[in-house]
N, C-alpha and C. Protein backbone atom coordinates (compact mmCIF):
# COMPACT_ATOMS: atom_id res chain seq x y z
N GLN A 1 38.92 208.08 -43.10
CA GLN A 1 39.43 206.74 -42.83
C GLN A 1 39.86 206.62 -41.38
N VAL A 2 40.01 205.39 -40.96
CA VAL A 2 40.42 205.10 -39.59
C VAL A 2 41.64 204.20 -39.64
N GLN A 3 42.62 204.51 -38.83
CA GLN A 3 43.80 203.67 -38.72
C GLN A 3 43.83 203.08 -37.31
N LEU A 4 44.08 201.78 -37.25
CA LEU A 4 44.17 201.07 -35.98
C LEU A 4 45.55 200.45 -35.87
N VAL A 5 46.22 200.69 -34.76
CA VAL A 5 47.57 200.17 -34.58
C VAL A 5 47.63 199.42 -33.25
N GLU A 6 47.91 198.13 -33.33
CA GLU A 6 48.03 197.30 -32.14
C GLU A 6 49.46 197.31 -31.62
N SER A 7 49.60 197.10 -30.33
CA SER A 7 50.91 196.95 -29.72
C SER A 7 50.76 196.10 -28.46
N GLY A 8 51.89 195.66 -27.93
CA GLY A 8 51.88 194.91 -26.68
C GLY A 8 52.00 193.41 -26.84
N GLY A 9 52.01 192.93 -28.06
CA GLY A 9 52.15 191.49 -28.25
C GLY A 9 53.56 191.03 -27.92
N GLY A 10 53.73 189.72 -27.84
CA GLY A 10 55.04 189.16 -27.54
C GLY A 10 54.91 187.79 -26.94
N LEU A 11 55.95 187.38 -26.24
CA LEU A 11 55.99 186.07 -25.61
C LEU A 11 55.56 186.20 -24.15
N VAL A 12 54.65 185.35 -23.75
CA VAL A 12 54.17 185.34 -22.37
C VAL A 12 54.11 183.89 -21.90
N GLN A 13 54.40 183.70 -20.65
CA GLN A 13 54.35 182.36 -20.08
C GLN A 13 52.90 182.03 -19.73
N ALA A 14 52.54 180.79 -19.91
CA ALA A 14 51.20 180.34 -19.53
C ALA A 14 50.98 180.66 -18.05
N GLY A 15 49.83 181.25 -17.75
CA GLY A 15 49.53 181.65 -16.39
C GLY A 15 49.98 183.04 -16.04
N GLY A 16 50.71 183.68 -16.95
CA GLY A 16 51.18 185.04 -16.72
C GLY A 16 50.14 186.06 -17.12
N SER A 17 50.60 187.22 -17.61
CA SER A 17 49.67 188.23 -18.07
C SER A 17 50.32 189.07 -19.15
N LEU A 18 49.47 189.65 -19.97
CA LEU A 18 49.93 190.48 -21.08
C LEU A 18 48.81 191.45 -21.40
N ARG A 19 49.16 192.67 -21.77
CA ARG A 19 48.15 193.64 -22.14
C ARG A 19 48.40 194.15 -23.55
N LEU A 20 47.40 194.00 -24.38
CA LEU A 20 47.45 194.52 -25.74
C LEU A 20 46.77 195.88 -25.78
N SER A 21 47.28 196.73 -26.66
CA SER A 21 46.68 198.05 -26.87
C SER A 21 46.35 198.23 -28.34
N CYS A 22 45.33 199.05 -28.59
CA CYS A 22 44.96 199.37 -29.96
C CYS A 22 44.62 200.86 -30.00
N ALA A 23 45.44 201.62 -30.67
CA ALA A 23 45.23 203.05 -30.79
C ALA A 23 44.57 203.36 -32.13
N ALA A 24 43.56 204.20 -32.08
CA ALA A 24 42.86 204.60 -33.30
C ALA A 24 43.20 206.04 -33.64
N SER A 25 43.30 206.30 -34.93
CA SER A 25 43.53 207.67 -35.40
C SER A 25 42.71 207.88 -36.67
N GLY A 26 42.61 209.13 -37.05
CA GLY A 26 41.80 209.45 -38.22
C GLY A 26 40.39 209.81 -37.80
N ARG A 27 39.42 209.28 -38.48
CA ARG A 27 38.02 209.61 -38.21
C ARG A 27 37.51 208.75 -37.05
N THR A 28 38.08 208.97 -35.91
CA THR A 28 37.78 208.10 -34.77
C THR A 28 36.35 208.26 -34.27
N PHE A 29 35.67 209.34 -34.68
CA PHE A 29 34.30 209.51 -34.22
C PHE A 29 33.37 208.46 -34.80
N ILE A 30 33.85 207.70 -35.81
CA ILE A 30 33.01 206.65 -36.36
C ILE A 30 33.43 205.27 -35.86
N THR A 31 34.15 205.24 -34.76
CA THR A 31 34.58 203.96 -34.22
C THR A 31 33.98 203.76 -32.84
N TYR A 32 32.69 203.80 -32.78
CA TYR A 32 32.03 203.68 -31.48
C TYR A 32 32.08 202.26 -30.95
N GLY A 33 32.15 201.30 -31.83
CA GLY A 33 32.29 199.92 -31.40
C GLY A 33 33.72 199.47 -31.61
N ARG A 34 34.29 198.81 -30.61
CA ARG A 34 35.67 198.35 -30.74
C ARG A 34 35.75 196.90 -30.28
N GLY A 35 36.67 196.17 -30.89
CA GLY A 35 36.76 194.75 -30.54
C GLY A 35 38.12 194.15 -30.82
N TRP A 36 38.26 192.91 -30.42
CA TRP A 36 39.46 192.12 -30.67
C TRP A 36 39.09 190.78 -31.27
N PHE A 37 39.84 190.38 -32.26
CA PHE A 37 39.74 189.06 -32.87
C PHE A 37 41.13 188.44 -32.83
N ARG A 38 41.20 187.16 -33.11
CA ARG A 38 42.50 186.50 -33.20
C ARG A 38 42.47 185.41 -34.25
N GLN A 39 43.65 185.11 -34.76
CA GLN A 39 43.77 184.08 -35.78
C GLN A 39 45.02 183.27 -35.54
N ALA A 40 44.83 181.98 -35.30
CA ALA A 40 45.94 181.06 -35.13
C ALA A 40 46.26 180.43 -36.49
N PRO A 41 47.47 179.92 -36.65
CA PRO A 41 47.85 179.32 -37.94
C PRO A 41 46.89 178.22 -38.35
N GLY A 42 46.42 178.29 -39.59
CA GLY A 42 45.53 177.28 -40.11
C GLY A 42 44.10 177.36 -39.64
N LYS A 43 43.78 178.41 -38.90
CA LYS A 43 42.42 178.55 -38.38
C LYS A 43 41.78 179.85 -38.87
N GLU A 44 40.46 179.90 -38.73
CA GLU A 44 39.73 181.10 -39.09
C GLU A 44 39.95 182.18 -38.03
N ARG A 45 39.81 183.42 -38.45
CA ARG A 45 39.86 184.52 -37.49
C ARG A 45 38.61 184.43 -36.61
N GLU A 46 38.81 184.50 -35.30
CA GLU A 46 37.69 184.33 -34.38
C GLU A 46 37.56 185.51 -33.43
N PHE A 47 36.34 185.71 -33.01
CA PHE A 47 36.02 186.79 -32.07
C PHE A 47 36.62 186.52 -30.69
N VAL A 48 37.10 187.58 -30.06
CA VAL A 48 37.63 187.47 -28.70
C VAL A 48 36.82 188.31 -27.72
N ALA A 49 36.70 189.61 -28.02
CA ALA A 49 36.00 190.50 -27.10
C ALA A 49 35.57 191.76 -27.83
N ALA A 50 34.57 192.45 -27.28
CA ALA A 50 34.09 193.70 -27.85
C ALA A 50 33.58 194.60 -26.74
N ILE A 51 33.57 195.90 -27.04
CA ILE A 51 33.13 196.88 -26.04
C ILE A 51 32.43 198.02 -26.75
N SER A 52 31.40 198.54 -26.11
CA SER A 52 30.67 199.67 -26.66
C SER A 52 31.39 200.97 -26.37
N TRP A 53 30.92 202.05 -26.98
CA TRP A 53 31.57 203.35 -26.81
C TRP A 53 31.62 203.76 -25.34
N SER A 54 30.53 203.59 -24.65
CA SER A 54 30.47 204.00 -23.24
C SER A 54 31.20 203.03 -22.33
N GLY A 55 31.45 201.85 -22.84
CA GLY A 55 32.05 200.83 -22.00
C GLY A 55 31.05 200.06 -21.17
N SER A 56 29.78 200.41 -21.30
CA SER A 56 28.76 199.77 -20.47
C SER A 56 28.43 198.36 -20.96
N ARG A 57 28.74 198.09 -22.21
CA ARG A 57 28.47 196.76 -22.75
C ARG A 57 29.79 196.12 -23.18
N THR A 58 30.03 194.94 -22.68
CA THR A 58 31.21 194.16 -23.09
C THR A 58 30.76 192.75 -23.45
N TYR A 59 31.48 192.14 -24.35
CA TYR A 59 31.16 190.81 -24.83
C TYR A 59 32.45 190.02 -24.93
N TYR A 60 32.36 188.74 -24.62
CA TYR A 60 33.53 187.88 -24.64
C TYR A 60 33.21 186.53 -25.27
N ALA A 61 34.21 185.98 -25.92
CA ALA A 61 34.08 184.59 -26.36
C ALA A 61 34.14 183.71 -25.12
N ASP A 62 33.43 182.61 -25.16
CA ASP A 62 33.41 181.71 -24.00
C ASP A 62 34.82 181.25 -23.63
N SER A 63 35.67 181.11 -24.61
CA SER A 63 37.01 180.58 -24.37
C SER A 63 37.90 181.52 -23.54
N VAL A 64 37.54 182.81 -23.49
CA VAL A 64 38.38 183.77 -22.76
C VAL A 64 37.65 184.40 -21.58
N LYS A 65 36.37 184.13 -21.45
CA LYS A 65 35.58 184.74 -20.39
C LYS A 65 36.17 184.41 -19.03
N GLY A 66 36.32 185.43 -18.20
CA GLY A 66 36.88 185.25 -16.87
C GLY A 66 38.40 185.37 -16.84
N ARG A 67 39.04 185.39 -18.00
CA ARG A 67 40.51 185.51 -18.04
C ARG A 67 40.95 186.79 -18.75
N PHE A 68 40.22 187.20 -19.78
CA PHE A 68 40.57 188.40 -20.53
C PHE A 68 39.58 189.51 -20.18
N THR A 69 40.07 190.74 -20.23
CA THR A 69 39.22 191.90 -19.98
C THR A 69 39.47 192.97 -21.04
N ILE A 70 38.40 193.44 -21.64
CA ILE A 70 38.50 194.52 -22.60
C ILE A 70 38.12 195.82 -21.92
N SER A 71 38.86 196.87 -22.22
CA SER A 71 38.56 198.19 -21.65
C SER A 71 38.97 199.25 -22.66
N LYS A 72 38.58 200.49 -22.38
CA LYS A 72 38.93 201.54 -23.33
C LYS A 72 39.17 202.88 -22.64
N ASP A 73 39.95 203.69 -23.30
CA ASP A 73 40.24 205.05 -22.87
C ASP A 73 39.80 205.95 -24.01
N ASN A 74 38.59 206.49 -23.90
CA ASN A 74 38.05 207.29 -25.00
C ASN A 74 38.87 208.56 -25.24
N ALA A 75 39.45 209.10 -24.20
CA ALA A 75 40.23 210.34 -24.36
C ALA A 75 41.41 210.12 -25.30
N ASN A 76 41.94 208.91 -25.29
CA ASN A 76 43.09 208.58 -26.13
C ASN A 76 42.74 207.64 -27.28
N ASN A 77 41.45 207.40 -27.47
CA ASN A 77 40.99 206.53 -28.56
C ASN A 77 41.72 205.19 -28.55
N THR A 78 41.89 204.65 -27.38
CA THR A 78 42.65 203.40 -27.23
C THR A 78 41.81 202.34 -26.54
N VAL A 79 41.92 201.13 -27.05
CA VAL A 79 41.25 199.99 -26.45
C VAL A 79 42.32 199.01 -25.99
N TYR A 80 42.05 198.36 -24.87
CA TYR A 80 43.01 197.43 -24.30
C TYR A 80 42.40 196.03 -24.19
N LEU A 81 43.27 195.04 -24.22
CA LEU A 81 42.86 193.68 -23.92
C LEU A 81 43.84 193.14 -22.88
N GLN A 82 43.36 193.03 -21.67
CA GLN A 82 44.17 192.47 -20.59
C GLN A 82 44.01 190.96 -20.62
N MET A 83 45.11 190.27 -20.84
CA MET A 83 45.10 188.81 -20.94
C MET A 83 45.72 188.24 -19.68
N ASN A 84 44.90 187.67 -18.83
CA ASN A 84 45.39 187.02 -17.61
C ASN A 84 45.29 185.51 -17.76
N SER A 85 46.22 184.83 -17.15
CA SER A 85 46.27 183.37 -17.22
C SER A 85 46.13 182.85 -18.64
N PRO A 86 46.93 183.36 -19.56
CA PRO A 86 46.82 182.84 -20.93
C PRO A 86 47.24 181.38 -21.00
N LYS A 87 46.66 180.70 -21.98
CA LYS A 87 46.96 179.30 -22.21
C LYS A 87 47.66 179.16 -23.56
N PRO A 88 48.34 178.06 -23.79
CA PRO A 88 48.99 177.87 -25.10
C PRO A 88 48.02 178.03 -26.27
N GLU A 89 46.77 177.65 -26.07
CA GLU A 89 45.79 177.77 -27.15
C GLU A 89 45.35 179.21 -27.41
N ASP A 90 45.79 180.14 -26.58
CA ASP A 90 45.51 181.55 -26.83
C ASP A 90 46.52 182.17 -27.80
N ALA A 91 47.56 181.43 -28.13
CA ALA A 91 48.57 181.95 -29.04
C ALA A 91 47.96 182.19 -30.42
N ALA A 92 48.19 183.38 -30.95
CA ALA A 92 47.60 183.77 -32.23
C ALA A 92 48.07 185.17 -32.58
N VAL A 93 47.72 185.59 -33.78
CA VAL A 93 47.84 187.01 -34.12
C VAL A 93 46.55 187.67 -33.68
N TYR A 94 46.67 188.71 -32.89
CA TYR A 94 45.50 189.41 -32.37
C TYR A 94 45.26 190.68 -33.18
N TYR A 95 44.03 190.83 -33.63
CA TYR A 95 43.65 191.96 -34.46
C TYR A 95 42.65 192.85 -33.73
N CYS A 96 42.89 194.13 -33.81
CA CYS A 96 41.95 195.12 -33.31
C CYS A 96 40.94 195.42 -34.42
N ALA A 97 39.69 195.65 -34.03
CA ALA A 97 38.65 195.96 -35.00
C ALA A 97 37.81 197.13 -34.51
N ALA A 98 37.22 197.84 -35.46
CA ALA A 98 36.36 198.97 -35.10
C ALA A 98 35.19 199.04 -36.05
N ALA A 99 34.10 199.60 -35.55
CA ALA A 99 32.89 199.77 -36.35
C ALA A 99 32.17 201.00 -35.86
N GLN A 100 31.28 201.53 -36.68
CA GLN A 100 30.55 202.73 -36.29
C GLN A 100 29.73 202.47 -35.04
N ASP A 101 29.25 201.25 -34.92
CA ASP A 101 28.57 200.83 -33.71
C ASP A 101 28.80 199.34 -33.57
N LEU A 102 28.57 198.82 -32.41
CA LEU A 102 28.77 197.39 -32.24
C LEU A 102 27.87 196.62 -33.19
N PRO A 103 28.44 195.75 -34.00
CA PRO A 103 27.60 194.96 -34.89
C PRO A 103 26.83 193.91 -34.11
N ALA A 104 25.75 193.46 -34.72
CA ALA A 104 24.95 192.42 -34.09
C ALA A 104 24.79 191.26 -35.07
N PRO A 105 25.32 190.09 -34.72
CA PRO A 105 26.08 189.79 -33.51
C PRO A 105 27.53 190.28 -33.59
N VAL A 106 28.14 190.51 -32.46
CA VAL A 106 29.49 191.08 -32.43
C VAL A 106 30.54 190.13 -33.01
N ALA A 107 30.28 188.85 -33.00
CA ALA A 107 31.28 187.88 -33.42
C ALA A 107 31.42 187.74 -34.93
N VAL A 108 30.57 188.39 -35.68
CA VAL A 108 30.62 188.27 -37.15
C VAL A 108 31.63 189.25 -37.72
N LYS A 109 32.63 188.74 -38.39
CA LYS A 109 33.74 189.58 -38.89
C LYS A 109 33.25 190.64 -39.88
N SER A 110 32.29 190.31 -40.69
CA SER A 110 31.83 191.23 -41.72
C SER A 110 31.16 192.47 -41.16
N GLY A 111 30.81 192.45 -39.87
CA GLY A 111 30.19 193.62 -39.26
C GLY A 111 31.19 194.69 -38.85
N TRP A 112 32.46 194.35 -38.91
CA TRP A 112 33.50 195.28 -38.49
C TRP A 112 34.17 195.89 -39.72
N GLY A 113 34.18 197.20 -39.80
CA GLY A 113 34.66 197.85 -41.01
C GLY A 113 36.14 198.17 -41.03
N TYR A 114 36.77 198.21 -39.87
CA TYR A 114 38.17 198.62 -39.80
C TYR A 114 38.97 197.61 -39.00
N TRP A 115 40.20 197.35 -39.49
CA TRP A 115 41.06 196.36 -38.86
C TRP A 115 42.48 196.89 -38.72
N GLY A 116 43.14 196.45 -37.65
CA GLY A 116 44.55 196.74 -37.50
C GLY A 116 45.38 195.70 -38.23
N GLN A 117 46.70 195.84 -38.14
CA GLN A 117 47.59 194.94 -38.87
C GLN A 117 47.89 193.68 -38.09
N GLY A 118 47.55 193.67 -36.81
CA GLY A 118 47.73 192.48 -35.98
C GLY A 118 49.01 192.53 -35.17
N THR A 119 48.97 191.86 -34.04
CA THR A 119 50.15 191.72 -33.19
C THR A 119 50.22 190.27 -32.70
N GLN A 120 51.41 189.70 -32.76
CA GLN A 120 51.59 188.29 -32.44
C GLN A 120 51.66 188.07 -30.93
N VAL A 121 50.93 187.09 -30.46
CA VAL A 121 51.01 186.66 -29.07
C VAL A 121 51.43 185.20 -29.06
N THR A 122 52.51 184.92 -28.37
CA THR A 122 53.00 183.56 -28.22
C THR A 122 52.96 183.18 -26.75
N VAL A 123 52.42 182.02 -26.45
CA VAL A 123 52.27 181.57 -25.07
C VAL A 123 53.12 180.32 -24.88
N SER A 124 54.05 180.42 -23.96
CA SER A 124 54.92 179.28 -23.68
C SER A 124 54.34 178.47 -22.53
N SER A 125 54.44 177.17 -22.65
CA SER A 125 53.86 176.29 -21.61
C SER A 125 54.92 175.91 -20.58
């Protein structure tokens, strides 16, 4: 099994910055694909970003492209989401996801086999 634990959520001012972390433990050798999703109240969980094992491939939702950056530290089995210039509409519970390989397409939730418990991000205007 794989355990994913997110951290770094909290209150951030619009235009500020925040970095989320997701640490993996357990059978981490089967988590070659890593990603972030988010879910706002009353809305479906939506794709935010994904990264391949090597880091050579990254994918972003159009709504965060140019503002958020996904990166990873394979030595520590940790993936990060750097959120720059967040907007009030970015407020949500952010979930870390993992899969044996990046699913195709990356934005489909059913392609991801492992999920964290989520971390709340609140953006003040």
